PDB file of N, CA and C in Angstrom:
ATOM      1  N   MET A   1      55.727 -42.625  89.614  1.00  0.00           N
ATOM      2  CA  MET A   1      54.623 -43.541  89.861  1.00  0.00           C
ATOM      3  C   MET A   1      53.300 -42.779  89.991  1.00  0.00           C
ATOM      4  N   LEU A   2      53.346 -41.624  90.658  1.00  0.00           N
ATOM      5  CA  LEU A   2      52.122 -40.839  90.840  1.00  0.00           C
ATOM      6  C   LEU A   2      51.542 -40.431  89.492  1.00  0.00           C
ATOM      7  N   LYS A   3      52.408 -40.066  88.543  1.00  0.00           N
ATOM      8  CA  LYS A   3      51.918 -39.680  87.221  1.00  0.00           C
ATOM      9  C   LYS A   3      51.209 -40.853  86.553  1.00  0.00           C
ATOM     10  N   ASN A   4      51.719 -42.069  86.748  1.00  0.00           N
ATOM     11  CA  ASN A   4      51.081 -43.251  86.170  1.00  0.00           C
ATOM     12  C   ASN A   4      49.707 -43.481  86.779  1.00  0.00           C
ATOM     13  N   ILE A   5      49.576 -43.228  88.059  1.00  0.00           N
ATOM     14  CA  ILE A   5      48.284 -43.395  88.730  1.00  0.00           C
ATOM     15  C   ILE A   5      47.280 -42.386  88.175  1.00  0.00           C
ATOM     16  N   LEU A   6      47.725 -41.152  87.949  1.00  0.00           N
ATOM     17  CA  LEU A   6      46.829 -40.106  87.468  1.00  0.00           C
ATOM     18  C   LEU A   6      46.351 -40.360  86.048  1.00  0.00           C
ATOM     19  N   LYS A   7      47.074 -41.178  85.303  1.00  0.00           N
ATOM     20  CA  LYS A   7      46.669 -41.492  83.933  1.00  0.00           C
ATOM     21  C   LYS A   7      45.460 -42.419  83.895  1.00  0.00           C
ATOM     22  N   LEU A   8      45.152 -43.080  84.996  1.00  0.00           N
ATOM     23  CA  LEU A   8      44.008 -43.985  85.036  1.00  0.00           C
ATOM     24  C   LEU A   8      42.729 -43.213  84.750  1.00  0.00           C
ATOM     25  N   GLU A   9      41.809 -43.846  84.089  1.00  0.00           N
ATOM     26  CA  GLU A   9      40.550 -43.194  83.727  1.00  0.00           C
ATOM     27  C   GLU A   9      39.782 -42.795  84.985  1.00  0.00           C
ATOM     28  N   GLY A  10      39.356 -41.562  85.042  1.00  0.00           N
ATOM     29  CA  GLY A  10      38.569 -41.074  86.167  1.00  0.00           C
ATOM     30  C   GLY A  10      39.395 -40.657  87.370  1.00  0.00           C
ATOM     31  N   ALA A  11      40.712 -40.759  87.296  1.00  0.00           N
ATOM     32  CA  ALA A  11      41.559 -40.378  88.427  1.00  0.00           C
ATOM     33  C   ALA A  11      41.629 -38.858  88.536  1.00  0.00           C
ATOM     34  N   GLN A  12      41.709 -38.377  89.768  1.00  0.00           N
ATOM     35  CA  GLN A  12      41.852 -36.949  90.012  1.00  0.00           C
ATOM     36  C   GLN A  12      43.155 -36.730  90.762  1.00  0.00           C
ATOM     37  N   GLU A  13      43.723 -35.536  90.594  1.00  0.00           N
ATOM     38  CA  GLU A  13      44.962 -35.233  91.307  1.00  0.00           C
ATOM     39  C   GLU A  13      44.686 -35.223  92.809  1.00  0.00           C
ATOM     40  N   LEU A  14      45.667 -35.664  93.576  1.00  0.00           N
ATOM     41  CA  LEU A  14      45.516 -35.718  95.022  1.00  0.00           C
ATOM     42  C   LEU A  14      45.474 -34.311  95.599  1.00  0.00           C
ATOM     43  N   SER A  15      44.740 -34.162  96.696  1.00  0.00           N
ATOM     44  CA  SER A  15      44.691 -32.871  97.375  1.00  0.00           C
ATOM     45  C   SER A  15      45.996 -32.659  98.143  1.00  0.00           C
ATOM     46  N   LYS A  16      46.206 -31.448  98.597  1.00  0.00           N
ATOM     47  CA  LYS A  16      47.413 -31.110  99.352  1.00  0.00           C
ATOM     48  C   LYS A  16      47.523 -31.987 100.604  1.00  0.00           C
ATOM     49  N   GLU A  17      46.405 -32.203 101.287  1.00  0.00           N
ATOM     50  CA  GLU A  17      46.406 -33.016 102.496  1.00  0.00           C
ATOM     51  C   GLU A  17      46.719 -34.478 102.188  1.00  0.00           C
ATOM     52  N   GLU A  18      46.174 -34.995 101.104  1.00  0.00           N
ATOM     53  CA  GLU A  18      46.426 -36.387 100.727  1.00  0.00           C
ATOM     54  C   GLU A  18      47.896 -36.601 100.386  1.00  0.00           C
ATOM     55  N   LYS A  19      48.514 -35.640  99.729  1.00  0.00           N
ATOM     56  CA  LYS A  19      49.937 -35.746  99.407  1.00  0.00           C
ATOM     57  C   LYS A  19      50.771 -35.778 100.682  1.00  0.00           C
ATOM     58  N   LYS A  20      50.378 -34.992 101.679  1.00  0.00           N
ATOM     59  CA  LYS A  20      51.119 -34.969 102.938  1.00  0.00           C
ATOM     60  C   LYS A  20      51.005 -36.299 103.664  1.00  0.00           C
ATOM     61  N   VAL A  21      49.842 -36.913 103.610  1.00  0.00           N
ATOM     62  CA  VAL A  21      49.654 -38.213 104.250  1.00  0.00           C
ATOM     63  C   VAL A  21      50.570 -39.246 103.603  1.00  0.00           C
ATOM     64  N   ILE A  22      50.685 -39.207 102.289  1.00  0.00           N
ATOM     65  CA  ILE A  22      51.539 -40.160 101.581  1.00  0.00           C
ATOM     66  C   ILE A  22      53.001 -39.959 101.971  1.00  0.00           C
ATOM     67  N   LYS A  23      53.413 -38.720 102.166  1.00  0.00           N
ATOM     68  CA  LYS A  23      54.808 -38.440 102.524  1.00  0.00           C
ATOM     69  C   LYS A  23      55.155 -39.012 103.896  1.00  0.00           C
ATOM     70  N   GLY A  24      54.181 -39.230 104.726  1.00  0.00           N
ATOM     71  CA  GLY A  24      54.441 -39.818 106.042  1.00  0.00           C
ATOM     72  C   GLY A  24      53.660 -39.121 107.123  1.00  0.00           C
ATOM     73  N   GLY A  25      52.870 -39.882 107.841  1.00  0.00           N
ATOM     74  CA  GLY A  25      52.106 -39.320 108.930  1.00  0.00           C
ATOM     75  C   GLY A  25      50.744 -38.827 108.488  1.00  0.00           C
ATOM     76  N   LEU A  26      49.865 -38.711 109.428  1.00  0.00           N
ATOM     77  CA  LEU A  26      48.515 -38.244 109.169  1.00  0.00           C
ATOM     78  C   LEU A  26      48.516 -36.724 109.127  1.00  0.00           C
ATOM     79  N   ALA A  27      47.986 -36.156 108.082  1.00  0.00           N
ATOM     80  CA  ALA A  27      47.927 -34.702 107.955  1.00  0.00           C
ATOM     81  C   ALA A  27      46.862 -34.139 108.891  1.00  0.00           C
ATOM     82  N   CYS A  28      47.110 -32.934 109.393  1.00  0.00           N
ATOM     83  CA  CYS A  28      46.117 -32.248 110.220  1.00  0.00           C
ATOM     84  C   CYS A  28      44.890 -31.940 109.369  1.00  0.00           C
ATOM     85  N   TYR A  29      43.736 -31.845 110.034  1.00  0.00           N
ATOM     86  CA  TYR A  29      42.527 -31.449 109.326  1.00  0.00           C
ATOM     87  C   TYR A  29      42.672 -29.999 108.874  1.00  0.00           C
ATOM     88  N   GLU A  30      41.828 -29.575 107.952  1.00  0.00           N
ATOM     89  CA  GLU A  30      41.909 -28.215 107.408  1.00  0.00           C
ATOM     90  C   GLU A  30      41.815 -27.140 108.484  1.00  0.00           C
ATOM     91  N   ASP A  31      41.102 -27.424 109.580  1.00  0.00           N
ATOM     92  CA  ASP A  31      40.966 -26.428 110.647  1.00  0.00           C
ATOM     93  C   ASP A  31      42.096 -26.503 111.674  1.00  0.00           C
ATOM     94  N   GLY A  32      43.130 -27.323 111.400  1.00  0.00           N
ATOM     95  CA  GLY A  32      44.293 -27.396 112.288  1.00  0.00           C
ATOM     96  C   GLY A  32      44.138 -28.355 113.444  1.00  0.00           C
ATOM     97  N   THR A  33      43.117 -29.191 113.418  1.00  0.00           N
ATOM     98  CA  THR A  33      42.920 -30.163 114.487  1.00  0.00           C
ATOM     99  C   THR A  33      43.316 -31.554 114.010  1.00  0.00           C
ATOM    100  N   CYS A  34      43.388 -32.477 114.971  1.00  0.00           N
ATOM    101  CA  CYS A  34      43.752 -33.867 114.690  1.00  0.00           C
ATOM    102  C   CYS A  34      42.818 -34.788 115.469  1.00  0.00           C
ATOM    103  N   PRO A  35      42.871 -36.093 115.168  1.00  0.00           N
ATOM    104  CA  PRO A  35      42.066 -37.036 115.946  1.00  0.00           C
ATOM    105  C   PRO A  35      42.437 -36.987 117.428  1.00  0.00           C
ATOM    106  N   LYS A  36      41.551 -37.488 118.265  1.00  0.00           N
ATOM    107  CA  LYS A  36      41.756 -37.491 119.713  1.00  0.00           C
ATOM    108  C   LYS A  36      43.096 -38.145 120.058  1.00  0.00           C
ATOM    109  N   GLY A  37      43.842 -37.521 120.948  1.00  0.00           N
ATOM    110  CA  GLY A  37      45.125 -38.054 121.377  1.00  0.00           C
ATOM    111  C   GLY A  37      46.303 -37.544 120.565  1.00  0.00           C
ATOM    112  N   SER A  38      46.036 -36.696 119.586  1.00  0.00           N
ATOM    113  CA  SER A  38      47.100 -36.143 118.747  1.00  0.00           C
ATOM    114  C   SER A  38      46.968 -34.629 118.684  1.00  0.00           C
ATOM    115  N   ILE A  39      48.085 -33.984 118.408  1.00  0.00           N
ATOM    116  CA  ILE A  39      48.076 -32.539 118.203  1.00  0.00           C
ATOM    117  C   ILE A  39      48.718 -32.239 116.851  1.00  0.00           C
ATOM    118  N   CYS A  40      48.377 -31.106 116.293  1.00  0.00           N
ATOM    119  CA  CYS A  40      48.900 -30.726 114.984  1.00  0.00           C
ATOM    120  C   CYS A  40      50.256 -30.047 115.150  1.00  0.00           C
ATOM    121  N   GLU A  41      51.256 -30.575 114.452  1.00  0.00           N
ATOM    122  CA  GLU A  41      52.570 -29.936 114.393  1.00  0.00           C
ATOM    123  C   GLU A  41      52.538 -29.041 113.161  1.00  0.00           C
ATOM    124  N   TYR A  42      52.423 -27.739 113.374  1.00  0.00           N
ATOM    125  CA  TYR A  42      52.142 -26.818 112.275  1.00  0.00           C
ATOM    126  C   TYR A  42      53.297 -26.671 111.292  1.00  0.00           C
ATOM    127  N   ASP A  43      54.537 -26.945 111.717  1.00  0.00           N
ATOM    128  CA  ASP A  43      55.677 -26.846 110.794  1.00  0.00           C
ATOM    129  C   ASP A  43      55.540 -27.838 109.647  1.00  0.00           C
ATOM    130  N   SER A  44      55.143 -29.068 109.976  1.00  0.00           N
ATOM    131  CA  SER A  44      55.009 -30.109 108.949  1.00  0.00           C
ATOM    132  C   SER A  44      53.551 -30.372 108.590  1.00  0.00           C
ATOM    133  N   TRP A  45      52.623 -29.771 109.363  1.00  0.00           N
ATOM    134  CA  TRP A  45      51.179 -29.956 109.180  1.00  0.00           C
ATOM    135  C   TRP A  45      50.801 -31.426 109.311  1.00  0.00           C
ATOM    136  N   ARG A  46      51.443 -32.117 110.290  1.00  0.00           N
ATOM    137  CA  ARG A  46      51.142 -33.518 110.566  1.00  0.00           C
ATOM    138  C   ARG A  46      50.684 -33.670 112.002  1.00  0.00           C
ATOM    139  N   CYS A  47      49.889 -34.696 112.235  1.00  0.00           N
ATOM    140  CA  CYS A  47      49.431 -35.008 113.580  1.00  0.00           C
ATOM    141  C   CYS A  47      50.494 -35.842 114.285  1.00  0.00           C
ATOM    142  N   ILE A  48      50.802 -35.460 115.520  1.00  0.00           N
ATOM    143  CA  ILE A  48      51.737 -36.225 116.335  1.00  0.00           C
ATOM    144  C   ILE A  48      51.041 -36.587 117.633  1.00  0.00           C
ATOM    145  N   ARG A  49      51.467 -37.693 118.228  1.00  0.00           N
ATOM    146  CA  ARG A  49      50.851 -38.121 119.493  1.00  0.00           C
ATOM    147  C   ARG A  49      51.164 -37.122 120.594  1.00  0.00           C
ATOM    148  N   ALA A  50      50.149 -36.806 121.373  1.00  0.00           N
ATOM    149  CA  ALA A  50      50.300 -35.827 122.452  1.00  0.00           C
ATOM    150  C   ALA A  50      50.958 -36.449 123.665  1.00  0.00           C
TER     151      ALA A  50
END
């Protein structure tokens, strides 16, 4: 399905962080932080509730 989406005119490949969000959970920011109330789980690079 992702390949079909990328075929759309003007579509760009998803970034590493965007792919992680799709897999499940909010990805940590590039600097290793997360929104307030969450901490970054570095093994999966996802934000989890603190």
